[in-house]
């Protein structure tokens, strides 16, 4: 199976975060690292992005809420 690299537009269709937020997650080791394709070009491994999305779905896609004990409004 061949690897597919996705570019920024495709990434943002799949992961609706700002590029700054994605950059911060990458630096924290919480998001797949971009691949430098050229001097002004980057992409992401599609399989890694899909695995990251699946992991978020399995985890419920949520971070613990601070007010988790209070009933929803």
Protein backbone atom coordinates (compact mmCIF):
# COMPACT_ATOMS: atom_id res chain seq x y z
CA UNK A 1 0.00 0.00 0.00
CA UNK A 2 1.41 3.40 -0.93
CA UNK A 3 1.56 6.32 1.47
CA UNK A 4 -0.52 9.39 0.76
CA UNK A 5 0.50 12.84 1.93
CA UNK A 6 -2.29 15.33 2.49
CA UNK A 7 -1.81 19.07 2.25
CA UNK A 8 -3.10 21.84 4.49
CA UNK A 9 -6.52 22.29 2.80
CA UNK A 10 -7.33 18.58 3.11
CA UNK A 11 -6.06 18.53 6.71
CA UNK A 12 -8.34 21.42 7.66
CA UNK A 13 -11.34 19.66 6.07
CA UNK A 14 -10.65 16.64 8.27
CA UNK A 15 -9.52 18.42 11.45
CA UNK A 16 -11.36 21.71 12.01
CA UNK A 17 -8.61 23.34 14.09
CA UNK A 18 -6.71 26.49 13.22
CA UNK A 19 -3.22 25.97 11.87
CA UNK A 20 -1.82 27.66 14.98
CA UNK A 21 -3.61 25.14 17.21
CA UNK A 22 -2.37 22.25 15.05
CA UNK A 23 1.17 23.65 15.25
CA UNK A 24 0.92 23.83 19.07
CA UNK A 25 -0.40 20.26 19.29
CA UNK A 26 2.48 19.08 17.07
CA UNK A 27 5.02 20.78 19.33
CA UNK A 28 3.44 19.08 22.37
CA UNK A 29 3.60 15.68 20.67
CA UNK A 30 -0.22 15.45 20.60
CA UNK A 31 -0.68 15.57 16.81
CA UNK A 32 1.10 13.91 13.88
CA UNK A 33 4.16 15.85 12.80
CA UNK A 34 4.17 17.58 9.43
CA UNK A 35 6.47 16.38 6.67
CA UNK A 36 8.58 18.97 4.89
CA UNK A 37 8.04 18.45 1.16
CA UNK A 38 9.99 21.42 -0.10
CA UNK A 39 11.23 24.84 0.90
CA UNK A 40 7.69 26.24 1.21
CA UNK A 41 5.62 23.08 1.28
CA UNK A 42 4.49 20.68 4.00
CA UNK A 43 2.06 17.81 4.29
CA UNK A 44 0.88 15.17 6.74
CA UNK A 45 0.81 11.38 6.46
CA UNK A 46 -2.82 10.48 5.78
CA UNK A 47 -2.61 7.24 7.80
CA UNK A 48 -1.29 9.12 10.85
CA UNK A 49 -4.07 11.72 10.60
CA UNK A 50 -6.72 9.00 10.23
CA UNK A 51 -5.29 7.16 13.28
CA UNK A 52 -5.30 10.41 15.30
CA UNK A 53 -8.95 11.05 14.37
CA UNK A 54 -9.91 7.44 15.25
CA UNK A 55 -8.17 7.75 18.63
CA UNK A 56 -10.15 10.94 19.35
CA UNK A 57 -13.40 9.17 18.43
CA UNK A 58 -12.56 6.17 20.66
CA UNK A 59 -11.74 8.57 23.51
CA UNK A 60 -15.12 10.24 23.12
CA UNK A 61 -13.58 13.25 21.39
CA UNK A 62 -13.80 15.32 24.55
CA UNK A 63 -11.47 16.66 27.17
CA UNK A 64 -12.64 16.42 30.78
CA UNK A 65 -14.82 19.40 31.68
CA UNK A 66 -14.03 21.43 34.79
CA UNK A 67 -17.71 21.52 35.74
CA UNK A 68 -18.35 17.83 35.01
CA UNK A 69 -20.31 17.46 38.26
CA UNK A 70 -22.86 20.12 37.33
CA UNK A 71 -25.87 19.02 35.25
CA UNK A 72 -26.05 20.11 31.62
CA UNK A 73 -28.15 23.15 31.12
